[in-house]
Amino acid sequence: MIKTVKKLSSIQQIRFTGFLYLLVIICAGFAQGYVRGILVVPENPVETANNILKNKGLFQLGLTADLIAFLLDAVIAVFLYKIFKPFSNTLAILSSSFRLIAHPAIGSLNLLNHYMALKVLKTDNLFNSFNTEQIQQISFSFLEAHQYGYLIAGSFFGLHCVLFAILIYKSNVFPKVFGGLFLGAAASYLIESFGNFNVPGYEGYTALFVGIAAALGELGLTLYMVVIGTTKSYKNLKNLPL
C-alpha cells in the first residue's frame, strides 16, 4: 500500500530546531567558556574563591545559562527524533535518548556542584567548623566535581554524535559532510571523557580538540539548519511515496 511521506519534518521545524540548537551553543559557551573560564583558576582554590565572591552575579548567571541550555536540549532531542524517525526509528530513539541523558539529565543534576561551590563560600555556619582556606578548598572540590560530571555527560553526548552521524548518512536530511564532522565531534567528546579520567594531564589538549570539533560539526550544522534548512533531495522526498 502506497503512503505519502507525511511524517517527514517540515523545513520550518528543522529551522526552528536549528535556532534552539544555536541558543544552546550560545548559553553553554557562555557558561563554560566565559563564566567558568575566567572565574575558575586551575589548581588555585584561593584565587578561584575570591573570583566567585567578587562576581557572584556572573557565577549565578552561568548556572542559569547552563540550565536554559539543558532545558532547550530536551526539546531538541525530541525534535531530532521526529526528524529522523521515518528513516530509522531505532537509531533515532537511541540517538535522542543518549542526548537526553547527557545534558538534560546528567548535566542538569551536575549543576548542583556549580551551585554548591558558591553556597559553601556564603554559609556563615561553616566558618565555625572550618577555616577560610579549608572552605575555599571545599568550594574548589565542588567545581572539580562539576568538571568530572561534565566529562561523564560528554561520554553520553559522544555516543549521541556517533548515532547522529549515522542518521545523517542514512537519511540525507543534511549534507553527508556533516556526518563526517559529527564523527569527529564524537571522537573528541569520547577522547576527552575517557582520556581525562584515565590519562590525566592532557586536559588542555582534549578541551581544544573538543572546541575545534564542536565548532566544525555542531555550529556548522546549526547554521546550516537555520539558514538553509535541509538538502534538495530531502525536499523532493517529501513529494514521493514511501
C-alpha atoms as a PDB file:
ATOM      1  CA  MET A   1       0.000   0.000   0.000  1.00  0.00           C
ATOM      2  CA  ILE A   2       1.380   3.376  -1.029  1.00  0.00           C
ATOM      3  CA  LYS A   3       1.544   6.028   1.686  1.00  0.00           C
ATOM      4  CA  THR A   4       2.643   9.629   1.234  1.00  0.00           C
ATOM      5  CA  VAL A   5       5.534  10.854   3.319  1.00  0.00           C
ATOM      6  CA  LYS A   6       3.550  12.864   5.868  1.00  0.00           C
ATOM      7  CA  LYS A   7       5.806  12.097   8.801  1.00  0.00           C
ATOM      8  CA  LEU A   8       8.833  13.859   7.358  1.00  0.00           C
ATOM      9  CA  SER A   9       9.580  17.090   9.173  1.00  0.00           C
ATOM     10  CA  SER A  10       8.891  20.444   7.585  1.00  0.00           C
ATOM     11  CA  ILE A  11      11.667  22.878   6.774  1.00  0.00           C
ATOM     12  CA  GLN A  12      10.184  25.266   9.331  1.00  0.00           C
ATOM     13  CA  GLN A  13      10.531  22.666  12.075  1.00  0.00           C
ATOM     14  CA  ILE A  14      14.120  21.920  11.077  1.00  0.00           C
ATOM     15  CA  ARG A  15      14.972  25.617  11.106  1.00  0.00           C
ATOM     16  CA  PHE A  16      13.313  26.056  14.492  1.00  0.00           C
ATOM     17  CA  THR A  17      15.326  23.110  15.818  1.00  0.00           C
ATOM     18  CA  GLY A  18      18.449  24.756  14.472  1.00  0.00           C
ATOM     19  CA  PHE A  19      17.504  28.033  16.173  1.00  0.00           C
ATOM     20  CA  LEU A  20      17.096  26.232  19.504  1.00  0.00           C
ATOM     21  CA  TYR A  21      20.433  24.480  18.948  1.00  0.00           C
ATOM     22  CA  LEU A  22      22.069  27.866  18.340  1.00  0.00           C
ATOM     23  CA  LEU A  23      20.661  29.140  21.638  1.00  0.00           C
ATOM     24  CA  VAL A  24      22.067  26.066  23.400  1.00  0.00           C
ATOM     25  CA  ILE A  25      25.526  26.684  21.925  1.00  0.00           C
ATOM     26  CA  ILE A  26      25.412  30.340  22.997  1.00  0.00           C
ATOM     27  CA  CYS A  27      24.216  29.581  26.540  1.00  0.00           C
ATOM     28  CA  ALA A  28      26.583  26.639  27.097  1.00  0.00           C
ATOM     29  CA  GLY A  29      29.500  28.524  25.574  1.00  0.00           C
ATOM     30  CA  PHE A  30      28.832  31.494  27.851  1.00  0.00           C
ATOM     31  CA  ALA A  31      28.596  29.321  30.983  1.00  0.00           C
ATOM     32  CA  GLN A  32      31.534  27.007  30.320  1.00  0.00           C
ATOM     33  CA  GLY A  33      33.771  29.072  28.098  1.00  0.00           C
ATOM     34  CA  TYR A  34      33.293  32.510  29.624  1.00  0.00           C
ATOM     35  CA  VAL A  35      31.982  32.309  33.199  1.00  0.00           C
ATOM     36  CA  ARG A  36      33.897  29.285  34.465  1.00  0.00           C
ATOM     37  CA  GLY A  37      36.677  30.032  32.007  1.00  0.00           C
ATOM     38  CA  ILE A  38      37.522  33.376  33.630  1.00  0.00           C
ATOM     39  CA  LEU A  39      36.495  32.697  37.250  1.00  0.00           C
ATOM     40  CA  VAL A  40      37.958  29.233  37.811  1.00  0.00           C
ATOM     41  CA  VAL A  41      41.742  29.257  38.105  1.00  0.00           C
ATOM     42  CA  PRO A  42      43.185  25.718  37.713  1.00  0.00           C
ATOM     43  CA  GLU A  43      44.836  24.375  40.871  1.00  0.00           C
ATOM     44  CA  ASN A  44      44.232  27.662  42.714  1.00  0.00           C
ATOM     45  CA  PRO A  45      41.333  27.385  45.209  1.00  0.00           C
ATOM     46  CA  VAL A  46      42.102  30.739  46.855  1.00  0.00           C
ATOM     47  CA  GLU A  47      42.033  32.850  43.706  1.00  0.00           C
ATOM     48  CA  THR A  48      39.036  30.918  42.377  1.00  0.00           C
ATOM     49  CA  ALA A  49      37.069  31.521  45.583  1.00  0.00           C
ATOM     50  CA  ASN A  50      37.910  35.225  45.519  1.00  0.00           C
ATOM     51  CA  ASN A  51      36.821  35.460  41.874  1.00  0.00           C
ATOM     52  CA  ILE A  52      33.496  33.795  42.651  1.00  0.00           C
ATOM     53  CA  LEU A  53      32.761  36.024  45.641  1.00  0.00           C
ATOM     54  CA  LYS A  54      33.659  39.168  43.677  1.00  0.00           C
ATOM     55  CA  ASN A  55      31.492  38.072  40.749  1.00  0.00           C
ATOM     56  CA  LYS A  56      28.582  36.267  42.425  1.00  0.00           C
ATOM     57  CA  GLY A  57      26.056  37.591  39.927  1.00  0.00           C
ATOM     58  CA  LEU A  58      28.103  36.400  36.968  1.00  0.00           C
ATOM     59  CA  PHE A  59      28.674  32.994  38.579  1.00  0.00           C
ATOM     60  CA  GLN A  60      24.936  32.581  39.177  1.00  0.00           C
ATOM     61  CA  LEU A  61      24.194  33.751  35.641  1.00  0.00           C
ATOM     62  CA  GLY A  62      26.464  30.995  34.366  1.00  0.00           C
ATOM     63  CA  LEU A  63      24.341  28.413  36.167  1.00  0.00           C
ATOM     64  CA  THR A  64      21.168  29.949  34.740  1.00  0.00           C
ATOM     65  CA  ALA A  65      22.570  29.905  31.214  1.00  0.00           C
ATOM     66  CA  ASP A  66      23.554  26.252  31.578  1.00  0.00           C
ATOM     67  CA  LEU A  67      20.111  25.320  32.890  1.00  0.00           C
ATOM     68  CA  ILE A  68      18.404  27.097  29.991  1.00  0.00           C
ATOM     69  CA  ALA A  69      20.668  25.207  27.576  1.00  0.00           C
ATOM     70  CA  PHE A  70      19.784  21.863  29.141  1.00  0.00           C
ATOM     71  CA  LEU A  71      16.051  22.601  29.096  1.00  0.00           C
ATOM     72  CA  LEU A  72      16.241  23.534  25.416  1.00  0.00           C
ATOM     73  CA  ASP A  73      18.307  20.421  24.698  1.00  0.00           C
ATOM     74  CA  ALA A  74      15.446  18.251  25.926  1.00  0.00           C
ATOM     75  CA  VAL A  75      13.215  19.854  23.297  1.00  0.00           C
ATOM     76  CA  ILE A  76      15.896  19.474  20.630  1.00  0.00           C
ATOM     77  CA  ALA A  77      16.243  15.758  21.415  1.00  0.00           C
ATOM     78  CA  VAL A  78      12.515  15.257  20.766  1.00  0.00           C
ATOM     79  CA  PHE A  79      12.584  17.291  17.560  1.00  0.00           C
ATOM     80  CA  LEU A  80      15.601  15.400  16.235  1.00  0.00           C
ATOM     81  CA  TYR A  81      13.790  12.149  16.931  1.00  0.00           C
ATOM     82  CA  LYS A  82      10.813  13.370  14.901  1.00  0.00           C
ATOM     83  CA  ILE A  83      13.066  14.451  12.030  1.00  0.00           C
ATOM     84  CA  PHE A  84      14.898  11.130  11.749  1.00  0.00           C
ATOM     85  CA  LYS A  85      12.186   8.695  12.865  1.00  0.00           C
ATOM     86  CA  PRO A  86      10.973   7.966   9.282  1.00  0.00           C
ATOM     87  CA  PHE A  87      14.443   6.747   8.291  1.00  0.00           C
ATOM     88  CA  SER A  88      15.326   4.594  11.313  1.00  0.00           C
ATOM     89  CA  ASN A  89      13.079   4.604  14.340  1.00  0.00           C
ATOM     90  CA  THR A  90      15.513   2.563  16.458  1.00  0.00           C
ATOM     91  CA  LEU A  91      18.562   4.722  15.715  1.00  0.00           C
ATOM     92  CA  ALA A  92      16.528   7.889  16.202  1.00  0.00           C
ATOM     93  CA  ILE A  93      15.324   6.698  19.629  1.00  0.00           C
ATOM     94  CA  LEU A  94      18.827   5.681  20.705  1.00  0.00           C
ATOM     95  CA  SER A  95      20.385   8.908  19.466  1.00  0.00           C
ATOM     96  CA  SER A  96      17.840  11.132  21.210  1.00  0.00           C
ATOM     97  CA  SER A  97      17.986   9.023  24.368  1.00  0.00           C
ATOM     98  CA  PHE A  98      21.746   9.486  24.698  1.00  0.00           C
ATOM     99  CA  ARG A  99      21.274  13.232  24.178  1.00  0.00           C
ATOM    100  CA  LEU A 100      18.565  13.390  26.850  1.00  0.00           C
ATOM    101  CA  ILE A 101      20.760  11.519  29.328  1.00  0.00           C
ATOM    102  CA  ALA A 102      23.830  13.627  28.565  1.00  0.00           C
ATOM    103  CA  HIS A 103      22.615  17.149  29.225  1.00  0.00           C
ATOM    104  CA  PRO A 104      19.001  17.358  30.397  1.00  0.00           C
ATOM    105  CA  ALA A 105      19.666  14.542  32.910  1.00  0.00           C
ATOM    106  CA  ILE A 106      23.346  14.374  33.936  1.00  0.00           C
ATOM    107  CA  GLY A 107      24.162  17.969  33.025  1.00  0.00           C
ATOM    108  CA  SER A 108      21.238  19.408  34.964  1.00  0.00           C
ATOM    109  CA  LEU A 109      21.981  17.408  38.114  1.00  0.00           C
ATOM    110  CA  ASN A 110      25.635  18.323  37.769  1.00  0.00           C
ATOM    111  CA  LEU A 111      24.698  21.990  38.174  1.00  0.00           C
ATOM    112  CA  LEU A 112      24.283  21.245  41.891  1.00  0.00           C
ATOM    113  CA  ASN A 113      28.076  21.133  42.076  1.00  0.00           C
ATOM    114  CA  HIS A 114      28.282  24.545  40.401  1.00  0.00           C
ATOM    115  CA  TYR A 115      25.760  25.957  42.867  1.00  0.00           C
ATOM    116  CA  MET A 116      27.394  24.410  45.939  1.00  0.00           C
ATOM    117  CA  ALA A 117      30.752  25.949  45.017  1.00  0.00           C
ATOM    118  CA  LEU A 118      29.180  29.345  45.774  1.00  0.00           C
ATOM    119  CA  LYS A 119      26.896  28.142  48.558  1.00  0.00           C
ATOM    120  CA  VAL A 120      29.720  26.951  50.834  1.00  0.00           C
ATOM    121  CA  LEU A 121      31.530  30.273  50.438  1.00  0.00           C
ATOM    122  CA  LYS A 122      28.429  32.140  51.621  1.00  0.00           C
ATOM    123  CA  THR A 123      27.436  29.850  54.517  1.00  0.00           C
ATOM    124  CA  ASP A 124      28.443  31.517  57.787  1.00  0.00           C
ATOM    125  CA  ASN A 125      27.939  28.380  59.894  1.00  0.00           C
ATOM    126  CA  LEU A 126      30.782  26.633  58.097  1.00  0.00           C
ATOM    127  CA  PHE A 127      33.255  29.144  59.481  1.00  0.00           C
ATOM    128  CA  ASN A 128      32.588  27.713  62.942  1.00  0.00           C
ATOM    129  CA  SER A 129      33.963  24.335  61.856  1.00  0.00           C
ATOM    130  CA  PHE A 130      36.436  25.175  59.078  1.00  0.00           C
ATOM    131  CA  ASN A 131      38.929  27.935  58.460  1.00  0.00           C
ATOM    132  CA  THR A 132      38.835  30.101  55.346  1.00  0.00           C
ATOM    133  CA  GLU A 133      41.416  28.081  53.454  1.00  0.00           C
ATOM    134  CA  GLN A 134      39.552  24.822  54.093  1.00  0.00           C
ATOM    135  CA  ILE A 135      36.249  26.322  52.919  1.00  0.00           C
ATOM    136  CA  GLN A 136      37.919  27.581  49.760  1.00  0.00           C
ATOM    137  CA  GLN A 137      39.247  24.082  49.120  1.00  0.00           C
ATOM    138  CA  ILE A 138      35.772  22.598  49.646  1.00  0.00           C
ATOM    139  CA  SER A 139      34.351  25.076  47.139  1.00  0.00           C
ATOM    140  CA  PHE A 140      37.072  24.187  44.647  1.00  0.00           C
ATOM    141  CA  SER A 141      36.333  20.480  45.126  1.00  0.00           C
ATOM    142  CA  PHE A 142      32.726  21.106  44.073  1.00  0.00           C
ATOM    143  CA  LEU A 143      33.998  22.794  40.913  1.00  0.00           C
ATOM    144  CA  GLU A 144      36.254  19.813  40.224  1.00  0.00           C
ATOM    145  CA  ALA A 145      33.282  17.507  40.733  1.00  0.00           C
ATOM    146  CA  HIS A 146      31.336  19.642  38.266  1.00  0.00           C
ATOM    147  CA  GLN A 147      34.090  19.226  35.695  1.00  0.00           C
ATOM    148  CA  TYR A 148      34.076  15.450  36.152  1.00  0.00           C
ATOM    149  CA  GLY A 149      30.286  15.469  35.793  1.00  0.00           C
ATOM    150  CA  TYR A 150      30.762  17.366  32.544  1.00  0.00           C
ATOM    151  CA  LEU A 151      33.067  14.609  31.332  1.00  0.00           C
ATOM    152  CA  ILE A 152      30.547  11.891  32.201  1.00  0.00           C
ATOM    153  CA  ALA A 153      27.834  13.763  30.325  1.00  0.00           C
ATOM    154  CA  GLY A 154      30.257  14.145  27.430  1.00  0.00           C
ATOM    155  CA  SER A 155      30.607  10.386  27.062  1.00  0.00           C
ATOM    156  CA  PHE A 156      26.854  10.055  26.510  1.00  0.00           C
ATOM    157  CA  PHE A 157      26.852  13.014  24.152  1.00  0.00           C
ATOM    158  CA  GLY A 158      29.708  11.449  22.218  1.00  0.00           C
ATOM    159  CA  LEU A 159      27.633   8.320  21.601  1.00  0.00           C
ATOM    160  CA  HIS A 160      24.731  10.547  20.552  1.00  0.00           C
ATOM    161  CA  CYS A 161      27.036  12.166  17.987  1.00  0.00           C
ATOM    162  CA  VAL A 162      28.040   8.755  16.584  1.00  0.00           C
ATOM    163  CA  LEU A 163      24.414   7.732  16.058  1.00  0.00           C
ATOM    164  CA  PHE A 164      23.512  11.193  14.785  1.00  0.00           C
ATOM    165  CA  ALA A 165      26.258  10.912  12.172  1.00  0.00           C
ATOM    166  CA  ILE A 166      24.869   7.558  11.020  1.00  0.00           C
ATOM    167  CA  LEU A 167      21.380   9.060  10.758  1.00  0.00           C
ATOM    168  CA  ILE A 168      22.729  11.893   8.613  1.00  0.00           C
ATOM    169  CA  TYR A 169      24.286   9.347   6.231  1.00  0.00           C
ATOM    170  CA  LYS A 170      21.139   7.204   6.094  1.00  0.00           C
ATOM    171  CA  SER A 171      18.603   9.991   5.684  1.00  0.00           C
ATOM    172  CA  ASN A 172      20.267  12.665   3.551  1.00  0.00           C
ATOM    173  CA  VAL A 173      18.327  15.265   5.543  1.00  0.00           C
ATOM    174  CA  PHE A 174      21.597  17.198   5.798  1.00  0.00           C
ATOM    175  CA  PRO A 175      24.711  17.091   3.591  1.00  0.00           C
ATOM    176  CA  LYS A 176      26.754  13.988   4.319  1.00  0.00           C
ATOM    177  CA  VAL A 177      29.804  16.091   5.142  1.00  0.00           C
ATOM    178  CA  PHE A 178      28.130  16.872   8.474  1.00  0.00           C
ATOM    179  CA  GLY A 179      28.034  13.146   9.172  1.00  0.00           C
ATOM    180  CA  GLY A 180      31.818  13.085   8.958  1.00  0.00           C
ATOM    181  CA  LEU A 181      32.116  16.218  11.080  1.00  0.00           C
ATOM    182  CA  PHE A 182      29.888  14.729  13.751  1.00  0.00           C
ATOM    183  CA  LEU A 183      32.003  11.587  13.805  1.00  0.00           C
ATOM    184  CA  GLY A 184      34.937  13.895  14.522  1.00  0.00           C
ATOM    185  CA  ALA A 185      32.939  15.595  17.269  1.00  0.00           C
ATOM    186  CA  ALA A 186      32.027  12.193  18.693  1.00  0.00           C
ATOM    187  CA  ALA A 187      35.681  11.185  18.797  1.00  0.00           C
ATOM    188  CA  SER A 188      36.632  14.421  20.541  1.00  0.00           C
ATOM    189  CA  TYR A 189      33.970  14.064  23.247  1.00  0.00           C
ATOM    190  CA  LEU A 190      34.815  10.422  23.884  1.00  0.00           C
ATOM    191  CA  ILE A 191      38.561  11.070  23.942  1.00  0.00           C
ATOM    192  CA  GLU A 192      38.067  13.938  26.390  1.00  0.00           C
ATOM    193  CA  SER A 193      35.770  11.918  28.661  1.00  0.00           C
ATOM    194  CA  PHE A 194      37.701   8.660  28.806  1.00  0.00           C
ATOM    195  CA  GLY A 195      41.114  10.241  28.302  1.00  0.00           C
ATOM    196  CA  ASN A 196      40.865  12.777  31.125  1.00  0.00           C
ATOM    197  CA  PHE A 197      39.712  10.079  33.547  1.00  0.00           C
ATOM    198  CA  ASN A 198      42.314   7.505  32.599  1.00  0.00           C
ATOM    199  CA  VAL A 199      45.244   9.546  31.306  1.00  0.00           C
ATOM    200  CA  PRO A 200      45.172  12.867  33.197  1.00  0.00           C
ATOM    201  CA  GLY A 201      47.492  15.703  32.351  1.00  0.00           C
ATOM    202  CA  TYR A 202      46.309  16.427  28.817  1.00  0.00           C
ATOM    203  CA  GLU A 203      43.107  18.297  29.676  1.00  0.00           C
ATOM    204  CA  GLY A 204      44.157  21.396  27.737  1.00  0.00           C
ATOM    205  CA  TYR A 205      44.705  19.432  24.542  1.00  0.00           C
ATOM    206  CA  THR A 206      41.464  17.443  24.797  1.00  0.00           C
ATOM    207  CA  ALA A 207      39.479  20.619  25.526  1.00  0.00           C
ATOM    208  CA  LEU A 208      40.985  22.249  22.430  1.00  0.00           C
ATOM    209  CA  PHE A 209      40.134  19.147  20.383  1.00  0.00           C
ATOM    210  CA  VAL A 210      36.515  19.338  21.558  1.00  0.00           C
ATOM    211  CA  GLY A 211      36.320  23.062  20.847  1.00  0.00           C
ATOM    212  CA  ILE A 212      37.507  22.690  17.258  1.00  0.00           C
ATOM    213  CA  ALA A 213      35.429  19.584  16.500  1.00  0.00           C
ATOM    214  CA  ALA A 214      32.274  21.052  18.076  1.00  0.00           C
ATOM    215  CA  ALA A 215      32.702  24.308  16.156  1.00  0.00           C
ATOM    216  CA  LEU A 216      33.040  22.473  12.842  1.00  0.00           C
ATOM    217  CA  GLY A 217      30.309  19.909  13.445  1.00  0.00           C
ATOM    218  CA  GLU A 218      27.706  21.317  15.806  1.00  0.00           C
ATOM    219  CA  LEU A 219      27.957  25.018  14.994  1.00  0.00           C
ATOM    220  CA  GLY A 220      28.331  24.296  11.288  1.00  0.00           C
ATOM    221  CA  LEU A 221      25.205  22.128  11.181  1.00  0.00           C
ATOM    222  CA  THR A 222      23.273  24.577  13.353  1.00  0.00           C
ATOM    223  CA  LEU A 223      23.939  27.447  10.955  1.00  0.00           C
ATOM    224  CA  TYR A 224      23.033  25.206   8.010  1.00  0.00           C
ATOM    225  CA  MET A 225      19.723  24.289   9.673  1.00  0.00           C
ATOM    226  CA  VAL A 226      18.850  27.909  10.413  1.00  0.00           C
ATOM    227  CA  VAL A 227      19.874  29.396   7.054  1.00  0.00           C
ATOM    228  CA  ILE A 228      19.215  26.609   4.525  1.00  0.00           C
ATOM    229  CA  GLY A 229      17.135  24.065   6.427  1.00  0.00           C
ATOM    230  CA  THR A 230      17.715  20.829   4.547  1.00  0.00           C
ATOM    231  CA  THR A 231      19.035  19.306   1.327  1.00  0.00           C
ATOM    232  CA  LYS A 232      17.209  19.496  -2.010  1.00  0.00           C
ATOM    233  CA  SER A 233      16.875  15.721  -2.126  1.00  0.00           C
ATOM    234  CA  TYR A 234      15.077  15.759   1.229  1.00  0.00           C
ATOM    235  CA  LYS A 235      12.693  18.444  -0.026  1.00  0.00           C
ATOM    236  CA  ASN A 236      11.934  16.348  -3.093  1.00  0.00           C
ATOM    237  CA  LEU A 237      11.473  13.232  -0.969  1.00  0.00           C
ATOM    238  CA  LYS A 238       8.503  14.877   0.721  1.00  0.00           C
ATOM    239  CA  ASN A 239       6.579  14.556  -2.534  1.00  0.00           C
ATOM    240  CA  LEU A 240       7.465  10.899  -3.130  1.00  0.00           C
ATOM    241  CA  PRO A 241       5.614   7.767  -1.928  1.00  0.00           C
ATOM    242  CA  LEU A 242       7.167   5.512   0.703  1.00  0.00           C
END
